[in-house]
Amino acid sequence: MNASTLRAIYNYGAVLSVIATAVAAVAFVVNGQNSFLGLLFGFFGPFCGFFFIGAVLSHTARYHDLGEECLRGIVWHFGSLVGWGVIATASNALSITPFTVFGLPVLTALGIVLLFVGIRRETGLDLKAKTESGQLLLSILGTIVGGFLVLSFVLVEGRSPLLVPVYLLATVVGFGLWQRHLRPQRVA
């Protein structure tokens, strides 16, 4: 299999994953929240979308960073499925609907992907483990896990909703401190 065949597979896969996600949304609207097609395509459509769209974009010079982060988006999507699943099943404040089961994880993963693209463009770092940017990568991962814990405290345990803005403020202050004091200097 040569490179042009792989590119064609990636392109077709990207189109099919977008179609699958749209079919899932229509299936939920038409058949309700227990739609088999909605559940099937709602699960596989976004996973395949992150993979195939990431593969297509990572082979372009202009969107290489976005493509790499979309490929990582597979992991973020899985983690978001688990995180939102735990919060939705344990919380009375968040009802279990197709949007909370599939929509919130996709939006969360997409937000994380865009956050990482922005950080890569702002800092010029690759955000890969075992590099000088690995420390920032681990800090971001801790921030993401901490965000799910804060949401769990608020939505499941009924703690004060003021925890969310306090956590966001602490995250912004922490990033500012990192940028000012710990950020590796760019080599010109």
N, C-alpha and C. Protein backbone atom coordinates (compact mmCIF):
# COMPACT_ATOMS: atom_id res chain seq x y z
N MET A 1 0.85 -1.17 0.00
CA MET A 1 0.00 0.00 0.00
C MET A 1 0.90 1.24 0.00
N ASN A 2 0.69 2.12 -0.97
CA ASN A 2 1.53 3.30 -1.06
C ASN A 2 0.88 4.50 -0.36
N ALA A 3 1.59 5.61 -0.36
CA ALA A 3 1.14 6.79 0.38
C ALA A 3 -0.15 7.38 -0.19
N SER A 4 -0.31 7.35 -1.50
CA SER A 4 -1.53 7.92 -2.07
C SER A 4 -2.76 7.07 -1.71
N THR A 5 -2.59 5.76 -1.60
CA THR A 5 -3.70 4.90 -1.17
C THR A 5 -4.09 5.21 0.26
N LEU A 6 -3.09 5.39 1.13
CA LEU A 6 -3.38 5.74 2.53
C LEU A 6 -4.09 7.09 2.63
N ARG A 7 -3.62 8.06 1.84
CA ARG A 7 -4.28 9.37 1.86
C ARG A 7 -5.73 9.27 1.41
N ALA A 8 -5.99 8.44 0.40
CA ALA A 8 -7.37 8.25 -0.06
C ALA A 8 -8.22 7.60 1.03
N ILE A 9 -7.66 6.62 1.73
CA ILE A 9 -8.39 5.97 2.83
C ILE A 9 -8.68 6.99 3.93
N TYR A 10 -7.69 7.82 4.27
CA TYR A 10 -7.89 8.85 5.29
C TYR A 10 -8.99 9.82 4.87
N ASN A 11 -8.96 10.25 3.61
CA ASN A 11 -9.97 11.20 3.12
C ASN A 11 -11.37 10.60 3.18
N TYR A 12 -11.51 9.36 2.67
CA TYR A 12 -12.82 8.70 2.72
C TYR A 12 -13.26 8.47 4.16
N GLY A 13 -12.33 8.08 5.02
CA GLY A 13 -12.65 7.86 6.43
C GLY A 13 -13.12 9.13 7.10
N ALA A 14 -12.48 10.27 6.76
CA ALA A 14 -12.88 11.55 7.35
C ALA A 14 -14.31 11.90 6.94
N VAL A 15 -14.61 11.72 5.67
CA VAL A 15 -15.97 12.03 5.19
C VAL A 15 -16.98 11.08 5.83
N LEU A 16 -16.67 9.79 5.87
CA LEU A 16 -17.60 8.82 6.45
C LEU A 16 -17.81 9.05 7.94
N SER A 17 -16.78 9.48 8.66
CA SER A 17 -16.96 9.72 10.10
C SER A 17 -17.86 10.93 10.35
N VAL A 18 -17.75 11.95 9.51
CA VAL A 18 -18.66 13.10 9.64
C VAL A 18 -20.09 12.67 9.33
N ILE A 19 -20.25 11.85 8.29
CA ILE A 19 -21.58 11.34 7.94
C ILE A 19 -22.13 10.48 9.08
N ALA A 20 -21.28 9.62 9.66
CA ALA A 20 -21.72 8.75 10.77
C ALA A 20 -22.18 9.57 11.96
N THR A 21 -21.47 10.64 12.27
CA THR A 21 -21.87 11.50 13.39
C THR A 21 -23.20 12.18 13.09
N ALA A 22 -23.39 12.62 11.85
CA ALA A 22 -24.68 13.23 11.47
C ALA A 22 -25.81 12.21 11.52
N VAL A 23 -25.54 10.96 11.09
CA VAL A 23 -26.55 9.90 11.15
C VAL A 23 -26.93 9.63 12.60
N ALA A 24 -25.95 9.65 13.50
CA ALA A 24 -26.24 9.44 14.92
C ALA A 24 -27.17 10.52 15.45
N ALA A 25 -26.88 11.77 15.10
CA ALA A 25 -27.73 12.87 15.57
C ALA A 25 -29.15 12.73 15.04
N VAL A 26 -29.29 12.39 13.76
CA VAL A 26 -30.63 12.21 13.17
C VAL A 26 -31.33 11.02 13.81
N ALA A 27 -30.60 9.94 14.05
CA ALA A 27 -31.21 8.74 14.65
C ALA A 27 -31.74 9.05 16.04
N PHE A 28 -31.01 9.84 16.81
CA PHE A 28 -31.50 10.21 18.14
C PHE A 28 -32.75 11.08 18.05
N VAL A 29 -32.78 11.98 17.08
CA VAL A 29 -33.95 12.85 16.92
C VAL A 29 -35.17 12.03 16.49
N VAL A 30 -34.98 11.12 15.54
CA VAL A 30 -36.09 10.35 14.98
C VAL A 30 -36.55 9.23 15.92
N ASN A 31 -35.60 8.45 16.45
CA ASN A 31 -35.94 7.25 17.22
C ASN A 31 -35.87 7.43 18.73
N GLY A 32 -35.45 8.57 19.21
CA GLY A 32 -35.35 8.77 20.65
C GLY A 32 -33.99 8.36 21.18
N GLN A 33 -33.84 8.47 22.50
CA GLN A 33 -32.52 8.28 23.09
C GLN A 33 -32.07 6.83 23.17
N ASN A 34 -32.93 5.87 22.88
CA ASN A 34 -32.52 4.46 22.87
C ASN A 34 -32.29 3.93 21.47
N SER A 35 -32.03 4.80 20.51
CA SER A 35 -31.82 4.41 19.12
C SER A 35 -30.53 3.61 18.99
N PHE A 36 -30.62 2.41 18.40
CA PHE A 36 -29.43 1.58 18.21
C PHE A 36 -28.44 2.26 17.28
N LEU A 37 -28.93 2.79 16.15
CA LEU A 37 -28.04 3.49 15.21
C LEU A 37 -27.41 4.72 15.86
N GLY A 38 -28.19 5.42 16.66
CA GLY A 38 -27.64 6.59 17.35
C GLY A 38 -26.53 6.21 18.30
N LEU A 39 -26.73 5.14 19.06
CA LEU A 39 -25.70 4.69 19.99
C LEU A 39 -24.45 4.21 19.25
N LEU A 40 -24.66 3.42 18.19
CA LEU A 40 -23.53 2.87 17.43
C LEU A 40 -22.72 3.97 16.76
N PHE A 41 -23.41 4.81 15.97
CA PHE A 41 -22.70 5.86 15.25
C PHE A 41 -22.28 7.01 16.16
N GLY A 42 -23.00 7.23 17.23
CA GLY A 42 -22.60 8.25 18.19
C GLY A 42 -21.31 7.90 18.90
N PHE A 43 -21.04 6.61 19.03
CA PHE A 43 -19.80 6.17 19.66
C PHE A 43 -18.65 6.15 18.65
N PHE A 44 -18.86 5.49 17.50
CA PHE A 44 -17.77 5.30 16.55
C PHE A 44 -17.51 6.51 15.65
N GLY A 45 -18.53 7.31 15.35
CA GLY A 45 -18.35 8.47 14.48
C GLY A 45 -17.29 9.44 14.97
N PRO A 46 -17.40 9.93 16.22
CA PRO A 46 -16.38 10.86 16.70
C PRO A 46 -14.99 10.24 16.84
N PHE A 47 -14.91 8.98 17.29
CA PHE A 47 -13.59 8.34 17.38
C PHE A 47 -12.93 8.29 16.02
N CYS A 48 -13.67 7.81 15.02
CA CYS A 48 -13.12 7.75 13.67
C CYS A 48 -12.85 9.14 13.12
N GLY A 49 -13.69 10.10 13.49
CA GLY A 49 -13.47 11.47 13.04
C GLY A 49 -12.15 12.02 13.54
N PHE A 50 -11.88 11.85 14.83
CA PHE A 50 -10.61 12.34 15.35
C PHE A 50 -9.44 11.66 14.65
N PHE A 51 -9.56 10.35 14.39
CA PHE A 51 -8.45 9.63 13.75
C PHE A 51 -8.28 10.06 12.30
N PHE A 52 -9.32 9.92 11.49
CA PHE A 52 -9.18 10.17 10.06
C PHE A 52 -8.95 11.64 9.74
N ILE A 53 -9.66 12.54 10.40
CA ILE A 53 -9.44 13.96 10.16
C ILE A 53 -8.04 14.35 10.64
N GLY A 54 -7.62 13.80 11.78
CA GLY A 54 -6.26 14.05 12.26
C GLY A 54 -5.21 13.53 11.30
N ALA A 55 -5.45 12.35 10.72
CA ALA A 55 -4.49 11.78 9.77
C ALA A 55 -4.40 12.64 8.51
N VAL A 56 -5.53 13.13 8.03
CA VAL A 56 -5.52 13.99 6.84
C VAL A 56 -4.78 15.28 7.13
N LEU A 57 -5.10 15.92 8.25
CA LEU A 57 -4.50 17.23 8.57
C LEU A 57 -3.03 17.12 8.94
N SER A 58 -2.62 16.01 9.55
CA SER A 58 -1.22 15.91 9.97
C SER A 58 -0.26 15.77 8.80
N HIS A 59 -0.79 15.49 7.61
CA HIS A 59 0.06 15.38 6.43
C HIS A 59 0.09 16.68 5.62
N THR A 60 -0.43 17.76 6.20
CA THR A 60 -0.35 19.06 5.55
C THR A 60 0.58 19.95 6.36
N ALA A 61 1.29 20.81 5.68
CA ALA A 61 2.23 21.68 6.38
C ALA A 61 1.51 22.72 7.24
N ARG A 62 0.42 23.27 6.72
CA ARG A 62 -0.26 24.35 7.42
C ARG A 62 -1.00 23.88 8.67
N TYR A 63 -1.60 22.69 8.62
CA TYR A 63 -2.44 22.21 9.71
C TYR A 63 -1.84 21.00 10.43
N HIS A 64 -0.53 20.85 10.37
CA HIS A 64 0.14 19.70 10.98
C HIS A 64 -0.13 19.61 12.49
N ASP A 65 0.00 20.73 13.19
CA ASP A 65 -0.25 20.73 14.64
C ASP A 65 -1.69 20.33 14.96
N LEU A 66 -2.64 20.87 14.21
CA LEU A 66 -4.04 20.51 14.42
C LEU A 66 -4.26 19.03 14.15
N GLY A 67 -3.62 18.50 13.11
CA GLY A 67 -3.74 17.08 12.81
C GLY A 67 -3.19 16.19 13.91
N GLU A 68 -2.01 16.55 14.42
CA GLU A 68 -1.44 15.76 15.53
C GLU A 68 -2.33 15.81 16.75
N GLU A 69 -2.86 16.96 17.06
CA GLU A 69 -3.73 17.07 18.23
C GLU A 69 -5.07 16.37 18.02
N CYS A 70 -5.56 16.34 16.79
CA CYS A 70 -6.78 15.55 16.52
C CYS A 70 -6.52 14.07 16.74
N LEU A 71 -5.34 13.60 16.36
CA LEU A 71 -5.00 12.20 16.62
C LEU A 71 -4.94 11.93 18.12
N ARG A 72 -4.41 12.88 18.88
CA ARG A 72 -4.45 12.75 20.34
C ARG A 72 -5.88 12.86 20.87
N GLY A 73 -6.73 13.50 20.09
CA GLY A 73 -8.12 13.68 20.49
C GLY A 73 -8.85 12.37 20.73
N ILE A 74 -8.35 11.29 20.14
CA ILE A 74 -8.94 9.97 20.39
C ILE A 74 -8.84 9.66 21.88
N VAL A 75 -7.70 9.92 22.46
CA VAL A 75 -7.50 9.67 23.90
C VAL A 75 -8.37 10.62 24.72
N TRP A 76 -8.41 11.89 24.33
CA TRP A 76 -9.23 12.86 25.07
C TRP A 76 -10.70 12.48 24.98
N HIS A 77 -11.12 11.99 23.83
CA HIS A 77 -12.52 11.59 23.69
C HIS A 77 -12.84 10.40 24.59
N PHE A 78 -11.96 9.43 24.63
CA PHE A 78 -12.19 8.28 25.50
C PHE A 78 -12.23 8.72 26.97
N GLY A 79 -11.26 9.53 27.37
CA GLY A 79 -11.25 10.03 28.75
C GLY A 79 -12.49 10.85 29.07
N SER A 80 -12.95 11.63 28.10
CA SER A 80 -14.16 12.42 28.31
C SER A 80 -15.40 11.54 28.41
N LEU A 81 -15.45 10.48 27.61
CA LEU A 81 -16.56 9.53 27.73
C LEU A 81 -16.62 8.94 29.13
N VAL A 82 -15.46 8.55 29.64
CA VAL A 82 -15.41 7.96 30.98
C VAL A 82 -15.76 9.02 32.03
N GLY A 83 -15.13 10.19 31.94
CA GLY A 83 -15.36 11.25 32.94
C GLY A 83 -16.80 11.72 32.97
N TRP A 84 -17.35 12.06 31.80
CA TRP A 84 -18.73 12.51 31.77
C TRP A 84 -19.70 11.39 32.10
N GLY A 85 -19.34 10.15 31.75
CA GLY A 85 -20.19 9.01 32.11
C GLY A 85 -20.30 8.84 33.61
N VAL A 86 -19.16 8.96 34.29
CA VAL A 86 -19.17 8.84 35.75
C VAL A 86 -19.98 9.98 36.37
N ILE A 87 -19.75 11.20 35.90
CA ILE A 87 -20.47 12.35 36.45
C ILE A 87 -21.96 12.25 36.16
N ALA A 88 -22.33 11.87 34.93
CA ALA A 88 -23.76 11.81 34.57
C ALA A 88 -24.50 10.72 35.34
N THR A 89 -23.86 9.58 35.56
CA THR A 89 -24.56 8.51 36.27
C THR A 89 -24.62 8.75 37.77
N ALA A 90 -23.68 9.51 38.31
CA ALA A 90 -23.66 9.74 39.76
C ALA A 90 -24.39 11.01 40.17
N SER A 91 -24.74 11.85 39.20
CA SER A 91 -25.31 13.15 39.52
C SER A 91 -26.81 13.18 39.26
N ASN A 92 -27.52 13.84 40.14
CA ASN A 92 -28.94 14.11 39.90
C ASN A 92 -29.13 15.40 39.12
N ALA A 93 -28.09 16.25 39.10
CA ALA A 93 -28.19 17.54 38.43
C ALA A 93 -28.02 17.43 36.92
N LEU A 94 -27.47 16.33 36.44
CA LEU A 94 -27.19 16.15 35.02
C LEU A 94 -27.94 14.92 34.53
N SER A 95 -28.95 15.11 33.71
CA SER A 95 -29.74 13.97 33.24
C SER A 95 -28.99 13.23 32.13
N ILE A 96 -29.27 11.95 32.02
CA ILE A 96 -28.60 11.14 31.00
C ILE A 96 -29.41 11.22 29.71
N THR A 97 -28.84 11.91 28.75
CA THR A 97 -29.45 12.07 27.43
C THR A 97 -28.37 11.78 26.39
N PRO A 98 -28.74 11.66 25.11
CA PRO A 98 -27.71 11.48 24.09
C PRO A 98 -26.69 12.61 24.08
N PHE A 99 -27.13 13.83 24.41
CA PHE A 99 -26.17 14.93 24.44
C PHE A 99 -25.15 14.75 25.56
N THR A 100 -25.60 14.35 26.75
CA THR A 100 -24.64 14.20 27.85
C THR A 100 -23.77 12.97 27.66
N VAL A 101 -24.28 11.95 26.98
CA VAL A 101 -23.49 10.74 26.79
C VAL A 101 -22.50 10.89 25.64
N PHE A 102 -22.92 11.51 24.54
CA PHE A 102 -22.04 11.62 23.37
C PHE A 102 -21.62 13.06 23.07
N GLY A 103 -22.52 14.02 23.25
CA GLY A 103 -22.22 15.41 22.90
C GLY A 103 -21.18 16.06 23.80
N LEU A 104 -21.38 15.95 25.11
CA LEU A 104 -20.42 16.56 26.04
C LEU A 104 -19.01 15.99 25.89
N PRO A 105 -18.84 14.66 25.76
CA PRO A 105 -17.48 14.15 25.55
C PRO A 105 -16.83 14.66 24.26
N VAL A 106 -17.62 14.74 23.18
CA VAL A 106 -17.05 15.24 21.92
C VAL A 106 -16.66 16.70 22.07
N LEU A 107 -17.53 17.51 22.66
CA LEU A 107 -17.20 18.93 22.85
C LEU A 107 -16.02 19.11 23.78
N THR A 108 -15.94 18.28 24.82
CA THR A 108 -14.81 18.36 25.74
C THR A 108 -13.51 18.00 25.03
N ALA A 109 -13.52 16.89 24.28
CA ALA A 109 -12.32 16.48 23.56
C ALA A 109 -11.92 17.52 22.52
N LEU A 110 -12.90 18.08 21.82
CA LEU A 110 -12.60 19.11 20.83
C LEU A 110 -12.03 20.35 21.50
N GLY A 111 -12.57 20.72 22.64
CA GLY A 111 -12.03 21.86 23.39
C GLY A 111 -10.59 21.62 23.82
N ILE A 112 -10.30 20.41 24.28
CA ILE A 112 -8.93 20.08 24.69
C ILE A 112 -8.00 20.11 23.48
N VAL A 113 -8.45 19.58 22.35
CA VAL A 113 -7.64 19.60 21.13
C VAL A 113 -7.31 21.05 20.75
N LEU A 114 -8.32 21.91 20.74
CA LEU A 114 -8.09 23.31 20.36
C LEU A 114 -7.20 24.02 21.38
N LEU A 115 -7.36 23.68 22.66
CA LEU A 115 -6.49 24.24 23.69
C LEU A 115 -5.03 23.86 23.44
N PHE A 116 -4.79 22.59 23.13
CA PHE A 116 -3.43 22.14 22.88
C PHE A 116 -2.85 22.78 21.62
N VAL A 117 -3.67 22.95 20.59
CA VAL A 117 -3.19 23.63 19.38
C VAL A 117 -2.80 25.06 19.71
N GLY A 118 -3.64 25.75 20.48
CA GLY A 118 -3.33 27.12 20.88
C GLY A 118 -2.06 27.20 21.71
N ILE A 119 -1.89 26.28 22.64
CA ILE A 119 -0.68 26.28 23.47
C ILE A 119 0.54 26.00 22.62
N ARG A 120 0.43 25.05 21.69
CA ARG A 120 1.57 24.75 20.81
C ARG A 120 1.94 25.96 19.96
N ARG A 121 0.94 26.66 19.45
CA ARG A 121 1.24 27.82 18.61
C ARG A 121 1.79 28.98 19.43
N GLU A 122 1.28 29.15 20.65
CA GLU A 122 1.74 30.25 21.51
C GLU A 122 3.15 30.01 22.03
N THR A 123 3.42 28.79 22.47
CA THR A 123 4.71 28.51 23.10
C THR A 123 5.77 28.01 22.13
N GLY A 124 5.35 27.45 21.00
CA GLY A 124 6.31 26.88 20.06
C GLY A 124 6.82 25.52 20.50
N LEU A 125 6.20 24.93 21.53
CA LEU A 125 6.63 23.63 22.05
C LEU A 125 5.82 22.51 21.41
N ASP A 126 6.41 21.31 21.36
CA ASP A 126 5.74 20.16 20.76
C ASP A 126 4.79 19.44 21.71
N LEU A 127 4.92 19.67 23.02
CA LEU A 127 4.09 19.02 24.03
C LEU A 127 4.16 17.50 23.93
N LYS A 128 5.37 16.99 23.94
CA LYS A 128 5.58 15.54 23.91
C LYS A 128 6.32 15.14 25.17
N ALA A 129 6.01 13.95 25.66
CA ALA A 129 6.69 13.45 26.85
C ALA A 129 8.18 13.28 26.56
N LYS A 130 8.97 13.33 27.59
CA LYS A 130 10.42 13.17 27.53
C LYS A 130 11.09 14.24 26.67
N THR A 131 10.48 15.42 26.62
CA THR A 131 11.11 16.59 26.02
C THR A 131 11.06 17.69 27.06
N GLU A 132 11.63 18.84 26.75
CA GLU A 132 11.59 19.92 27.74
C GLU A 132 10.18 20.47 27.92
N SER A 133 9.29 20.16 27.00
CA SER A 133 7.90 20.59 27.16
C SER A 133 7.06 19.55 27.91
N GLY A 134 7.65 18.44 28.30
CA GLY A 134 6.93 17.39 29.01
C GLY A 134 6.36 17.86 30.34
N GLN A 135 7.07 18.77 31.01
CA GLN A 135 6.59 19.30 32.28
C GLN A 135 5.27 20.07 32.09
N LEU A 136 5.19 20.85 31.03
CA LEU A 136 3.95 21.57 30.73
C LEU A 136 2.84 20.60 30.36
N LEU A 137 3.18 19.56 29.61
CA LEU A 137 2.19 18.56 29.22
C LEU A 137 1.59 17.89 30.45
N LEU A 138 2.43 17.51 31.39
CA LEU A 138 1.93 16.88 32.62
C LEU A 138 1.09 17.86 33.44
N SER A 139 1.47 19.11 33.47
CA SER A 139 0.67 20.12 34.18
C SER A 139 -0.71 20.27 33.55
N ILE A 140 -0.76 20.27 32.23
CA ILE A 140 -2.05 20.39 31.54
C ILE A 140 -2.91 19.16 31.81
N LEU A 141 -2.30 17.98 31.77
CA LEU A 141 -3.06 16.76 32.07
C LEU A 141 -3.62 16.81 33.48
N GLY A 142 -2.82 17.26 34.43
CA GLY A 142 -3.30 17.41 35.81
C GLY A 142 -4.43 18.41 35.91
N THR A 143 -4.35 19.48 35.13
CA THR A 143 -5.40 20.49 35.12
C THR A 143 -6.71 19.91 34.58
N ILE A 144 -6.61 19.09 33.53
CA ILE A 144 -7.81 18.47 32.95
C ILE A 144 -8.45 17.52 33.94
N VAL A 145 -7.65 16.67 34.57
CA VAL A 145 -8.18 15.74 35.57
C VAL A 145 -8.77 16.51 36.75
N GLY A 146 -8.08 17.56 37.17
CA GLY A 146 -8.59 18.40 38.25
C GLY A 146 -9.92 19.04 37.90
N GLY A 147 -10.08 19.45 36.63
CA GLY A 147 -11.34 20.02 36.19
C GLY A 147 -12.50 19.04 36.31
N PHE A 148 -12.25 17.79 35.93
CA PHE A 148 -13.29 16.77 36.09
C PHE A 148 -13.59 16.53 37.57
N LEU A 149 -12.57 16.57 38.41
CA LEU A 149 -12.81 16.38 39.85
C LEU A 149 -13.64 17.53 40.42
N VAL A 150 -13.34 18.75 40.01
CA VAL A 150 -14.11 19.90 40.48
C VAL A 150 -15.56 19.78 40.02
N LEU A 151 -15.77 19.41 38.75
CA LEU A 151 -17.14 19.22 38.26
C LEU A 151 -17.84 18.11 39.02
N SER A 152 -17.11 17.07 39.35
CA SER A 152 -17.70 15.97 40.13
C SER A 152 -18.09 16.46 41.52
N PHE A 153 -17.23 17.24 42.16
CA PHE A 153 -17.56 17.78 43.49
C PHE A 153 -18.82 18.63 43.43
N VAL A 154 -18.93 19.46 42.39
CA VAL A 154 -20.07 20.37 42.29
C VAL A 154 -21.35 19.63 41.89
N LEU A 155 -21.27 18.79 40.85
CA LEU A 155 -22.48 18.15 40.32
C LEU A 155 -22.91 16.91 41.08
N VAL A 156 -21.96 16.17 41.65
CA VAL A 156 -22.31 14.92 42.32
C VAL A 156 -22.45 15.11 43.82
N GLU A 157 -21.45 15.75 44.43
CA GLU A 157 -21.45 15.88 45.89
C GLU A 157 -22.17 17.13 46.38
N GLY A 158 -22.59 17.99 45.45
CA GLY A 158 -23.36 19.16 45.85
C GLY A 158 -22.56 20.27 46.49
N ARG A 159 -21.26 20.31 46.23
CA ARG A 159 -20.45 21.40 46.78
C ARG A 159 -20.80 22.71 46.08
N SER A 160 -20.27 23.79 46.58
CA SER A 160 -20.58 25.12 46.07
C SER A 160 -20.13 25.28 44.61
N PRO A 161 -20.98 25.84 43.75
CA PRO A 161 -20.59 26.10 42.37
C PRO A 161 -19.46 27.12 42.25
N LEU A 162 -19.15 27.83 43.34
CA LEU A 162 -18.04 28.78 43.31
C LEU A 162 -16.69 28.08 43.12
N LEU A 163 -16.66 26.77 43.33
CA LEU A 163 -15.42 26.02 43.09
C LEU A 163 -14.97 26.12 41.63
N VAL A 164 -15.92 26.18 40.71
CA VAL A 164 -15.57 26.21 39.28
C VAL A 164 -14.81 27.49 38.92
N PRO A 165 -15.33 28.70 39.22
CA PRO A 165 -14.55 29.89 38.87
C PRO A 165 -13.24 29.99 39.66
N VAL A 166 -13.23 29.52 40.90
CA VAL A 166 -11.99 29.53 41.68
C VAL A 166 -10.96 28.63 41.00
N TYR A 167 -11.39 27.46 40.55
CA TYR A 167 -10.48 26.54 39.86
C TYR A 167 -9.98 27.15 38.55
N LEU A 168 -10.87 27.76 37.79
CA LEU A 168 -10.47 28.39 36.54
C LEU A 168 -9.47 29.53 36.79
N LEU A 169 -9.72 30.33 37.82
CA LEU A 169 -8.79 31.41 38.16
C LEU A 169 -7.43 30.85 38.56
N ALA A 170 -7.43 29.80 39.37
CA ALA A 170 -6.17 29.18 39.78
C ALA A 170 -5.42 28.62 38.57
N THR A 171 -6.15 28.08 37.61
CA THR A 171 -5.52 27.55 36.40
C THR A 171 -4.88 28.66 35.59
N VAL A 172 -5.58 29.78 35.42
CA VAL A 172 -5.03 30.91 34.66
C VAL A 172 -3.81 31.48 35.37
N VAL A 173 -3.88 31.63 36.69
CA VAL A 173 -2.74 32.14 37.46
C VAL A 173 -1.56 31.18 37.34
N GLY A 174 -1.82 29.89 37.44
CA GLY A 174 -0.75 28.90 37.31
C GLY A 174 -0.09 28.95 35.95
N PHE A 175 -0.89 29.08 34.89
CA PHE A 175 -0.31 29.17 33.55
C PHE A 175 0.49 30.46 33.40
N GLY A 176 -0.02 31.55 33.97
CA GLY A 176 0.72 32.81 33.92
C GLY A 176 2.06 32.72 34.63
N LEU A 177 2.07 32.06 35.80
CA LEU A 177 3.34 31.87 36.52
C LEU A 177 4.29 31.00 35.72
N TRP A 178 3.77 29.95 35.10
CA TRP A 178 4.63 29.09 34.28
C TRP A 178 5.21 29.90 33.13
N GLN A 179 4.36 30.69 32.47
CA GLN A 179 4.81 31.45 31.32
C GLN A 179 5.86 32.49 31.71
N ARG A 180 5.72 33.04 32.90
CA ARG A 180 6.64 34.09 33.33
C ARG A 180 7.96 33.55 33.89
N HIS A 181 7.90 32.41 34.62
CA HIS A 181 9.09 31.96 35.35
C HIS A 181 9.65 30.62 34.89
N LEU A 182 8.83 29.72 34.40
CA LEU A 182 9.31 28.37 34.11
C LEU A 182 9.37 28.03 32.63
N ARG A 183 8.82 28.88 31.79
CA ARG A 183 8.75 28.60 30.35
C ARG A 183 10.15 28.52 29.75
N PRO A 184 10.41 27.44 28.99
CA PRO A 184 11.71 27.36 28.30
C PRO A 184 11.84 28.50 27.30
N GLN A 185 13.02 29.07 27.23
CA GLN A 185 13.26 30.18 26.31
C GLN A 185 13.39 29.66 24.89
N ARG A 186 12.76 30.36 23.95
CA ARG A 186 12.89 29.99 22.54
C ARG A 186 14.28 30.34 22.05
N VAL A 187 14.81 29.44 21.24
CA VAL A 187 16.12 29.69 20.64
C VAL A 187 15.88 30.32 19.27
N ALA A 188 16.45 31.50 19.05
CA ALA A 188 16.21 32.22 17.79
C ALA A 188 17.15 31.75 16.72
